[in-house]
Amino acid sequence: FIPSMWWHHIEALDAFNVLVNYWWRQSPDY
């Protein structure tokens, strides 16, 4: 879990990598 606005550096370490992620906002769409 990566909170909103946290800086993140990501390294994929293997010859085959798959990531699934989910983004959502805590504020209204408008």
PDB file of all heavy atoms in Angstrom:
ATOM      1  N   PHE A   1       0.858  -1.179   0.000  1.00  0.00           N
ATOM      2  CA  PHE A   1       0.000   0.000   0.000  1.00  0.00           C
ATOM      3  C   PHE A   1       0.895   1.230   0.000  1.00  0.00           C
ATOM      4  O   PHE A   1       1.729   1.406   0.895  1.00  0.00           O
ATOM      5  CB  PHE A   1      -0.921   0.025   1.215  1.00  0.00           C
ATOM      6  CG  PHE A   1      -1.702   1.305   1.351  1.00  0.00           C
ATOM      7  CD1 PHE A   1      -2.799   1.542   0.549  1.00  0.00           C
ATOM      8  CD2 PHE A   1      -1.308   2.284   2.248  1.00  0.00           C
ATOM      9  CE1 PHE A   1      -3.505   2.735   0.643  1.00  0.00           C
ATOM     10  CE2 PHE A   1      -2.011   3.481   2.352  1.00  0.00           C
ATOM     11  CZ  PHE A   1      -3.113   3.708   1.545  1.00  0.00           C
ATOM     12  N   ILE A   2       0.726   2.078  -1.027  1.00  0.00           N
ATOM     13  CA  ILE A   2       1.497   3.321  -1.164  1.00  0.00           C
ATOM     14  C   ILE A   2       0.534   4.482  -0.985  1.00  0.00           C
ATOM     15  O   ILE A   2      -0.340   4.697  -1.832  1.00  0.00           O
ATOM     16  CB  ILE A   2       2.193   3.403  -2.531  1.00  0.00           C
ATOM     17  CG1 ILE A   2       3.095   2.184  -2.756  1.00  0.00           C
ATOM     18  CG2 ILE A   2       3.001   4.699  -2.641  1.00  0.00           C
ATOM     19  CD1 ILE A   2       3.717   2.126  -4.139  1.00  0.00           C
ATOM     20  N   PRO A   3       0.659   5.233   0.103  1.00  0.00           N
ATOM     21  CA  PRO A   3      -0.278   6.342   0.313  1.00  0.00           C
ATOM     22  C   PRO A   3      -0.113   7.440  -0.730  1.00  0.00           C
ATOM     23  O   PRO A   3       0.950   7.598  -1.337  1.00  0.00           O
ATOM     24  CB  PRO A   3       0.092   6.863   1.714  1.00  0.00           C
ATOM     25  CG  PRO A   3       0.931   5.795   2.338  1.00  0.00           C
ATOM     26  CD  PRO A   3       1.612   5.101   1.212  1.00  0.00           C
ATOM     27  N   SER A   4      -1.169   8.186  -0.919  1.00  0.00           N
ATOM     28  CA  SER A   4      -1.149   9.345  -1.813  1.00  0.00           C
ATOM     29  C   SER A   4       0.058  10.227  -1.538  1.00  0.00           C
ATOM     30  O   SER A   4       0.399  10.517  -0.393  1.00  0.00           O
ATOM     31  CB  SER A   4      -2.436  10.144  -1.611  1.00  0.00           C
ATOM     32  OG  SER A   4      -2.373  11.393  -2.267  1.00  0.00           O
ATOM     33  N   MET A   5       0.732  10.629  -2.622  1.00  0.00           N
ATOM     34  CA  MET A   5       1.803  11.634  -2.614  1.00  0.00           C
ATOM     35  C   MET A   5       3.142  11.124  -2.095  1.00  0.00           C
ATOM     36  O   MET A   5       4.107  11.891  -2.035  1.00  0.00           O
ATOM     37  CB  MET A   5       1.385  12.890  -1.834  1.00  0.00           C
ATOM     38  CG  MET A   5       0.088  13.523  -2.315  1.00  0.00           C
ATOM     39  SD  MET A   5       0.129  14.005  -4.069  1.00  0.00           S
ATOM     40  CE  MET A   5       1.291  15.378  -4.011  1.00  0.00           C
ATOM     41  N   TRP A   6       3.259   9.847  -1.737  1.00  0.00           N
ATOM     42  CA  TRP A   6       4.565   9.298  -1.346  1.00  0.00           C
ATOM     43  C   TRP A   6       5.376   9.020  -2.602  1.00  0.00           C
ATOM     44  O   TRP A   6       4.885   8.436  -3.570  1.00  0.00           O
ATOM     45  CB  TRP A   6       4.384   8.012  -0.540  1.00  0.00           C
ATOM     46  CG  TRP A   6       4.146   8.264   0.914  1.00  0.00           C
ATOM     47  CD1 TRP A   6       3.059   8.867   1.484  1.00  0.00           C
ATOM     48  CD2 TRP A   6       5.032   7.932   1.999  1.00  0.00           C
ATOM     49  NE1 TRP A   6       3.204   8.928   2.852  1.00  0.00           N
ATOM     50  CE2 TRP A   6       4.403   8.366   3.192  1.00  0.00           C
ATOM     51  CE3 TRP A   6       6.272   7.305   2.067  1.00  0.00           C
ATOM     52  CZ2 TRP A   6       4.993   8.191   4.448  1.00  0.00           C
ATOM     53  CZ3 TRP A   6       6.864   7.132   3.311  1.00  0.00           C
ATOM     54  CH2 TRP A   6       6.230   7.570   4.487  1.00  0.00           C
ATOM     55  N   TRP A   7       6.630   9.452  -2.590  1.00  0.00           N
ATOM     56  CA  TRP A   7       7.536   9.175  -3.691  1.00  0.00           C
ATOM     57  C   TRP A   7       7.926   7.698  -3.663  1.00  0.00           C
ATOM     58  O   TRP A   7       8.209   7.146  -2.599  1.00  0.00           O
ATOM     59  CB  TRP A   7       8.792  10.044  -3.579  1.00  0.00           C
ATOM     60  CG  TRP A   7       8.488  11.503  -3.699  1.00  0.00           C
ATOM     61  CD1 TRP A   7       8.134  12.361  -2.705  1.00  0.00           C
ATOM     62  CD2 TRP A   7       8.477  12.280  -4.903  1.00  0.00           C
ATOM     63  NE1 TRP A   7       7.909  13.620  -3.200  1.00  0.00           N
ATOM     64  CE2 TRP A   7       8.121  13.609  -4.551  1.00  0.00           C
ATOM     65  CE3 TRP A   7       8.764  11.987  -6.240  1.00  0.00           C
ATOM     66  CZ2 TRP A   7       8.018  14.622  -5.492  1.00  0.00           C
ATOM     67  CZ3 TRP A   7       8.676  13.007  -7.182  1.00  0.00           C
ATOM     68  CH2 TRP A   7       8.310  14.310  -6.806  1.00  0.00           C
ATOM     69  N   HIS A   8       7.934   7.044  -4.832  1.00  0.00           N
ATOM     70  CA  HIS A   8       8.295   5.623  -4.860  1.00  0.00           C
ATOM     71  C   HIS A   8       9.135   5.285  -6.089  1.00  0.00           C
ATOM     72  O   HIS A   8       8.844   5.697  -7.202  1.00  0.00           O
ATOM     73  CB  HIS A   8       7.060   4.713  -4.781  1.00  0.00           C
ATOM     74  CG  HIS A   8       5.925   5.104  -5.679  1.00  0.00           C
ATOM     75  ND1 HIS A   8       5.117   6.205  -5.442  1.00  0.00           N
ATOM     76  CD2 HIS A   8       5.437   4.524  -6.812  1.00  0.00           C
ATOM     77  CE1 HIS A   8       4.189   6.285  -6.380  1.00  0.00           C
ATOM     78  NE2 HIS A   8       4.371   5.287  -7.234  1.00  0.00           N
ATOM     79  N   HIS A   9      10.212   4.563  -5.809  1.00  0.00           N
ATOM     80  CA  HIS A   9      11.148   4.059  -6.819  1.00  0.00           C
ATOM     81  C   HIS A   9      10.947   2.551  -6.884  1.00  0.00           C
ATOM     82  O   HIS A   9      10.872   1.873  -5.855  1.00  0.00           O
ATOM     83  CB  HIS A   9      12.580   4.392  -6.394  1.00  0.00           C
ATOM     84  CG  HIS A   9      13.641   3.824  -7.289  1.00  0.00           C
ATOM     85  ND1 HIS A   9      14.261   2.613  -7.052  1.00  0.00           N
ATOM     86  CD2 HIS A   9      14.211   4.325  -8.415  1.00  0.00           C
ATOM     87  CE1 HIS A   9      15.158   2.387  -7.984  1.00  0.00           C
ATOM     88  NE2 HIS A   9      15.163   3.412  -8.820  1.00  0.00           N
ATOM     89  N   ILE A  10      10.825   1.995  -8.107  1.00  0.00           N
ATOM     90  CA  ILE A  10      10.465   0.595  -8.262  1.00  0.00           C
ATOM     91  C   ILE A  10      11.457  -0.092  -9.188  1.00  0.00           C
ATOM     92  O   ILE A  10      11.710   0.371 -10.304  1.00  0.00           O
ATOM     93  CB  ILE A  10       9.038   0.443  -8.821  1.00  0.00           C
ATOM     94  CG1 ILE A  10       8.031   1.227  -7.960  1.00  0.00           C
ATOM     95  CG2 ILE A  10       8.640  -1.033  -8.870  1.00  0.00           C
ATOM     96  CD1 ILE A  10       6.644   1.277  -8.550  1.00  0.00           C
ATOM     97  N   GLU A  11      11.987  -1.220  -8.709  1.00  0.00           N
ATOM     98  CA  GLU A  11      12.883  -2.048  -9.508  1.00  0.00           C
ATOM     99  C   GLU A  11      12.244  -3.412  -9.732  1.00  0.00           C
ATOM    100  O   GLU A  11      11.855  -4.086  -8.761  1.00  0.00           O
ATOM    101  CB  GLU A  11      14.217  -2.249  -8.797  1.00  0.00           C
ATOM    102  CG  GLU A  11      14.963  -0.977  -8.461  1.00  0.00           C
ATOM    103  CD  GLU A  11      16.066  -1.253  -7.469  1.00  0.00           C
ATOM    104  OE1 GLU A  11      17.094  -1.852  -7.877  1.00  0.00           O
ATOM    105  OE2 GLU A  11      15.908  -0.888  -6.286  1.00  0.00           O
ATOM    106  N   ALA A  12      12.113  -3.815 -10.977  1.00  0.00           N
ATOM    107  CA  ALA A  12      11.702  -5.179 -11.314  1.00  0.00           C
ATOM    108  C   ALA A  12      12.964  -6.011 -11.474  1.00  0.00           C
ATOM    109  O   ALA A  12      13.838  -5.668 -12.275  1.00  0.00           O
ATOM    110  CB  ALA A  12      10.873  -5.190 -12.592  1.00  0.00           C
ATOM    111  N   LEU A  13      13.060  -7.103 -10.720  1.00  0.00           N
ATOM    112  CA  LEU A  13      14.352  -7.767 -10.533  1.00  0.00           C
ATOM    113  C   LEU A  13      14.546  -9.029 -11.363  1.00  0.00           C
ATOM    114  O   LEU A  13      15.654  -9.577 -11.389  1.00  0.00           O
ATOM    115  CB  LEU A  13      14.515  -8.113  -9.041  1.00  0.00           C
ATOM    116  CG  LEU A  13      14.393  -6.924  -8.077  1.00  0.00           C
ATOM    117  CD1 LEU A  13      14.441  -7.405  -6.627  1.00  0.00           C
ATOM    118  CD2 LEU A  13      15.479  -5.899  -8.343  1.00  0.00           C
ATOM    119  N   ASP A  14      13.502  -9.506 -12.044  1.00  0.00           N
ATOM    120  CA  ASP A  14      13.595 -10.777 -12.750  1.00  0.00           C
ATOM    121  C   ASP A  14      13.372 -10.599 -14.248  1.00  0.00           C
ATOM    122  O   ASP A  14      12.990  -9.529 -14.725  1.00  0.00           O
ATOM    123  CB  ASP A  14      12.577 -11.767 -12.179  1.00  0.00           C
ATOM    124  CG  ASP A  14      12.867 -12.108 -10.722  1.00  0.00           C
ATOM    125  OD1 ASP A  14      14.051 -12.165 -10.357  1.00  0.00           O
ATOM    126  OD2 ASP A  14      11.900 -12.294  -9.957  1.00  0.00           O
ATOM    127  N   ALA A  15      13.586 -11.695 -14.979  1.00  0.00           N
ATOM    128  CA  ALA A  15      13.456 -11.644 -16.437  1.00  0.00           C
ATOM    129  C   ALA A  15      12.008 -11.541 -16.880  1.00  0.00           C
ATOM    130  O   ALA A  15      11.729 -11.154 -18.026  1.00  0.00           O
ATOM    131  CB  ALA A  15      14.109 -12.880 -17.058  1.00  0.00           C
ATOM    132  N   PHE A  16      11.071 -11.884 -15.992  1.00  0.00           N
ATOM    133  CA  PHE A  16       9.630 -11.797 -16.303  1.00  0.00           C
ATOM    134  C   PHE A  16       8.930 -11.277 -15.061  1.00  0.00           C
ATOM    135  O   PHE A  16       8.995 -11.894 -13.993  1.00  0.00           O
ATOM    136  CB  PHE A  16       9.087 -13.179 -16.696  1.00  0.00           C
ATOM    137  CG  PHE A  16       7.606 -13.213 -16.930  1.00  0.00           C
ATOM    138  CD1 PHE A  16       7.024 -12.493 -17.961  1.00  0.00           C
ATOM    139  CD2 PHE A  16       6.786 -13.989 -16.115  1.00  0.00           C
ATOM    140  CE1 PHE A  16       5.647 -12.534 -18.184  1.00  0.00           C
ATOM    141  CE2 PHE A  16       5.413 -14.040 -16.327  1.00  0.00           C
ATOM    142  CZ  PHE A  16       4.843 -13.318 -17.363  1.00  0.00           C
ATOM    143  N   ASN A  17       8.297 -10.116 -15.193  1.00  0.00           N
ATOM    144  CA  ASN A  17       7.653  -9.466 -14.051  1.00  0.00           C
ATOM    145  C   ASN A  17       6.275  -8.976 -14.439  1.00  0.00           C
ATOM    146  O   ASN A  17       6.083  -8.396 -15.522  1.00  0.00           O
ATOM    147  CB  ASN A  17       8.471  -8.256 -13.580  1.00  0.00           C
ATOM    148  CG  ASN A  17       9.858  -8.632 -13.090  1.00  0.00           C
ATOM    149  OD1 ASN A  17      10.041  -8.981 -11.938  1.00  0.00           O
ATOM    150  ND2 ASN A  17      10.838  -8.575 -13.992  1.00  0.00           N
ATOM    151  N   VAL A  18       5.322  -9.198 -13.548  1.00  0.00           N
ATOM    152  CA  VAL A  18       3.957  -8.704 -13.749  1.00  0.00           C
ATOM    153  C   VAL A  18       3.501  -8.055 -12.448  1.00  0.00           C
ATOM    154  O   VAL A  18       3.651  -8.637 -11.364  1.00  0.00           O
ATOM    155  CB  VAL A  18       2.982  -9.842 -14.133  1.00  0.00           C
ATOM    156  CG1 VAL A  18       1.559  -9.293 -14.299  1.00  0.00           C
ATOM    157  CG2 VAL A  18       3.443 -10.543 -15.402  1.00  0.00           C
ATOM    158  N   LEU A  19       2.950  -6.861 -12.564  1.00  0.00           N
ATOM    159  CA  LEU A  19       2.414  -6.130 -11.419  1.00  0.00           C
ATOM    160  C   LEU A  19       0.981  -5.730 -11.742  1.00  0.00           C
ATOM    161  O   LEU A  19       0.686  -5.302 -12.861  1.00  0.00           O
ATOM    162  CB  LEU A  19       3.249  -4.877 -11.145  1.00  0.00           C
ATOM    163  CG  LEU A  19       2.863  -4.048  -9.919  1.00  0.00           C
ATOM    164  CD1 LEU A  19       3.496  -4.647  -8.658  1.00  0.00           C
ATOM    165  CD2 LEU A  19       3.314  -2.599 -10.076  1.00  0.00           C
ATOM    166  N   VAL A  20       0.095  -5.868 -10.758  1.00  0.00           N
ATOM    167  CA  VAL A  20      -1.277  -5.378 -10.868  1.00  0.00           C
ATOM    168  C   VAL A  20      -1.452  -4.298  -9.810  1.00  0.00           C
ATOM    169  O   VAL A  20      -1.091  -4.501  -8.650  1.00  0.00           O
ATOM    170  CB  VAL A  20      -2.299  -6.510 -10.649  1.00  0.00           C
ATOM    171  CG1 VAL A  20      -3.715  -5.949 -10.527  1.00  0.00           C
ATOM    172  CG2 VAL A  20      -2.212  -7.531 -11.783  1.00  0.00           C
ATOM    173  N   ASN A  21      -1.977  -3.137 -10.227  1.00  0.00           N
ATOM    174  CA  ASN A  21      -2.179  -2.105  -9.209  1.00  0.00           C
ATOM    175  C   ASN A  21      -3.572  -1.493  -9.299  1.00  0.00           C
ATOM    176  O   ASN A  21      -4.250  -1.569 -10.330  1.00  0.00           O
ATOM    177  CB  ASN A  21      -1.097  -1.028  -9.287  1.00  0.00           C
ATOM    178  CG  ASN A  21      -1.481   0.134 -10.153  1.00  0.00           C
ATOM    179  OD1 ASN A  21      -1.681  -0.030 -11.356  1.00  0.00           O
ATOM    180  ND2 ASN A  21      -1.607   1.308  -9.559  1.00  0.00           N
ATOM    181  N   TYR A  22      -3.984  -0.887  -8.181  1.00  0.00           N
ATOM    182  CA  TYR A  22      -5.291  -0.257  -8.048  1.00  0.00           C
ATOM    183  C   TYR A  22      -5.074   1.158  -7.528  1.00  0.00           C
ATOM    184  O   TYR A  22      -4.446   1.350  -6.486  1.00  0.00           O
ATOM    185  CB  TYR A  22      -6.164  -1.028  -7.049  1.00  0.00           C
ATOM    186  CG  TYR A  22      -6.401  -2.473  -7.399  1.00  0.00           C
ATOM    187  CD1 TYR A  22      -5.436  -3.439  -7.104  1.00  0.00           C
ATOM    188  CD2 TYR A  22      -7.581  -2.888  -8.013  1.00  0.00           C
ATOM    189  CE1 TYR A  22      -5.639  -4.772  -7.415  1.00  0.00           C
ATOM    190  CE2 TYR A  22      -7.792  -4.216  -8.325  1.00  0.00           C
ATOM    191  CZ  TYR A  22      -6.822  -5.160  -8.027  1.00  0.00           C
ATOM    192  OH  TYR A  22      -7.025  -6.480  -8.333  1.00  0.00           O
ATOM    193  N   TRP A  23      -5.618   2.140  -8.249  1.00  0.00           N
ATOM    194  CA  TRP A  23      -5.551   3.534  -7.840  1.00  0.00           C
ATOM    195  C   TRP A  23      -6.953   4.030  -7.501  1.00  0.00           C
ATOM    196  O   TRP A  23      -7.910   3.774  -8.242  1.00  0.00           O
ATOM    197  CB  TRP A  23      -5.034   4.405  -8.976  1.00  0.00           C
ATOM    198  CG  TRP A  23      -3.553   4.477  -9.149  1.00  0.00           C
ATOM    199  CD1 TRP A  23      -2.610   4.687  -8.187  1.00  0.00           C
ATOM    200  CD2 TRP A  23      -2.832   4.405 -10.380  1.00  0.00           C
ATOM    201  NE1 TRP A  23      -1.360   4.741  -8.735  1.00  0.00           N
ATOM    202  CE2 TRP A  23      -1.468   4.567 -10.087  1.00  0.00           C
ATOM    203  CE3 TRP A  23      -3.224   4.223 -11.711  1.00  0.00           C
ATOM    204  CZ2 TRP A  23      -0.483   4.559 -11.067  1.00  0.00           C
ATOM    205  CZ3 TRP A  23      -2.255   4.205 -12.684  1.00  0.00           C
ATOM    206  CH2 TRP A  23      -0.891   4.369 -12.370  1.00  0.00           C
ATOM    207  N   TRP A  24      -7.069   4.767  -6.422  1.00  0.00           N
ATOM    208  CA  TRP A  24      -8.342   5.426  -6.113  1.00  0.00           C
ATOM    209  C   TRP A  24      -8.061   6.690  -5.311  1.00  0.00           C
ATOM    210  O   TRP A  24      -7.044   6.805  -4.635  1.00  0.00           O
ATOM    211  CB  TRP A  24      -9.279   4.501  -5.330  1.00  0.00           C
ATOM    212  CG  TRP A  24      -8.786   4.201  -3.940  1.00  0.00           C
ATOM    213  CD1 TRP A  24      -9.126   4.859  -2.772  1.00  0.00           C
ATOM    214  CD2 TRP A  24      -7.837   3.196  -3.553  1.00  0.00           C
ATOM    215  NE1 TRP A  24      -8.463   4.329  -1.706  1.00  0.00           N
ATOM    216  CE2 TRP A  24      -7.662   3.298  -2.143  1.00  0.00           C
ATOM    217  CE3 TRP A  24      -7.122   2.211  -4.244  1.00  0.00           C
ATOM    218  CZ2 TRP A  24      -6.796   2.466  -1.435  1.00  0.00           C
ATOM    219  CZ3 TRP A  24      -6.270   1.392  -3.535  1.00  0.00           C
ATOM    220  CH2 TRP A  24      -6.120   1.516  -2.152  1.00  0.00           C
ATOM    221  N   ARG A  25      -8.981   7.643  -5.404  1.00  0.00           N
ATOM    222  CA  ARG A  25      -8.849   8.899  -4.668  1.00  0.00           C
ATOM    223  C   ARG A  25      -9.832   8.925  -3.506  1.00  0.00           C
ATOM    224  O   ARG A  25     -10.925   8.359  -3.585  1.00  0.00           O
ATOM    225  CB  ARG A  25      -9.118  10.097  -5.582  1.00  0.00           C
ATOM    226  CG  ARG A  25      -8.054  10.307  -6.640  1.00  0.00           C
ATOM    227  CD  ARG A  25      -8.350  11.540  -7.494  1.00  0.00           C
ATOM    228  NE  ARG A  25      -8.355  12.762  -6.687  1.00  0.00           N
ATOM    229  CZ  ARG A  25      -8.571  13.975  -7.192  1.00  0.00           C
ATOM    230  NH1 ARG A  25      -8.805  14.124  -8.484  1.00  0.00           N
ATOM    231  NH2 ARG A  25      -8.559  15.033  -6.401  1.00  0.00           N
ATOM    232  N   GLN A  26      -9.447   9.594  -2.437  1.00  0.00           N
ATOM    233  CA  GLN A  26     -10.330   9.763  -1.292  1.00  0.00           C
ATOM    234  C   GLN A  26     -11.213  11.008  -1.449  1.00  0.00           C
ATOM    235  O   GLN A  26     -12.013  11.304  -0.561  1.00  0.00           O
ATOM    236  CB  GLN A  26      -9.517   9.865   0.003  1.00  0.00           C
ATOM    237  CG  GLN A  26      -8.745   8.598   0.332  1.00  0.00           C
ATOM    238  CD  GLN A  26      -8.086   8.661   1.699  1.00  0.00           C
ATOM    239  OE1 GLN A  26      -8.670   9.142   2.666  1.00  0.00           O
ATOM    240  NE2 GLN A  26      -6.866   8.165   1.786  1.00  0.00           N
ATOM    241  N   SER A  27     -11.075  11.724  -2.547  1.00  0.00           N
ATOM    242  CA  SER A  27     -11.864  12.924  -2.797  1.00  0.00           C
ATOM    243  C   SER A  27     -12.882  12.643  -3.902  1.00  0.00           C
ATOM    244  O   SER A  27     -12.717  11.709  -4.696  1.00  0.00           O
ATOM    245  CB  SER A  27     -10.942  14.073  -3.205  1.00  0.00           C
ATOM    246  OG  SER A  27     -10.114  13.676  -4.282  1.00  0.00           O
ATOM    247  N   PRO A  28     -13.940  13.448  -3.980  1.00  0.00           N
ATOM    248  CA  PRO A  28     -14.973  13.236  -5.005  1.00  0.00           C
ATOM    249  C   PRO A  28     -14.431  13.409  -6.415  1.00  0.00           C
ATOM    250  O   PRO A  28     -13.467  14.145  -6.650  1.00  0.00           O
ATOM    251  CB  PRO A  28     -16.017  14.318  -4.678  1.00  0.00           C
ATOM    252  CG  PRO A  28     -15.735  14.744  -3.277  1.00  0.00           C
ATOM    253  CD  PRO A  28     -14.268  14.561  -3.068  1.00  0.00           C
ATOM    254  N   ASP A  29     -15.093  12.766  -7.371  1.00  0.00           N
ATOM    255  CA  ASP A  29     -14.651  12.835  -8.760  1.00  0.00           C
ATOM    256  C   ASP A  29     -14.686  14.250  -9.320  1.00  0.00           C
ATOM    257  O   ASP A  29     -13.940  14.571 -10.246  1.00  0.00           O
ATOM    258  CB  ASP A  29     -15.524  11.925  -9.635  1.00  0.00           C
ATOM    259  CG  ASP A  29     -15.284  10.444  -9.368  1.00  0.00           C
ATOM    260  OD1 ASP A  29     -14.229  10.120  -8.782  1.00  0.00           O
ATOM    261  OD2 ASP A  29     -16.142   9.635  -9.739  1.00  0.00           O
ATOM    262  N   TYR A  30     -15.573  15.105  -8.786  1.00  0.00           N
ATOM    263  CA  TYR A  30     -15.699  16.439  -9.360  1.00  0.00           C
ATOM    264  C   TYR A  30     -14.548  17.363  -8.963  1.00  0.00           C
ATOM    265  O   TYR A  30     -14.411  18.455  -9.501  1.00  0.00           O
ATOM    266  CB  TYR A  30     -17.041  17.082  -8.991  1.00  0.00           C
ATOM    267  CG  TYR A  30     -17.358  17.140  -7.511  1.00  0.00           C
ATOM    268  CD1 TYR A  30     -16.724  18.046  -6.664  1.00  0.00           C
ATOM    269  CD2 TYR A  30     -18.312  16.300  -6.960  1.00  0.00           C
ATOM    270  CE1 TYR A  30     -17.018  18.103  -5.310  1.00  0.00           C
ATOM    271  CE2 TYR A  30     -18.627  16.346  -5.608  1.00  0.00           C
ATOM    272  CZ  TYR A  30     -17.986  17.250  -4.789  1.00  0.00           C
ATOM    273  OH  TYR A  30     -18.283  17.304  -3.457  1.00  0.00           O
TER     274      TYR A  30
END
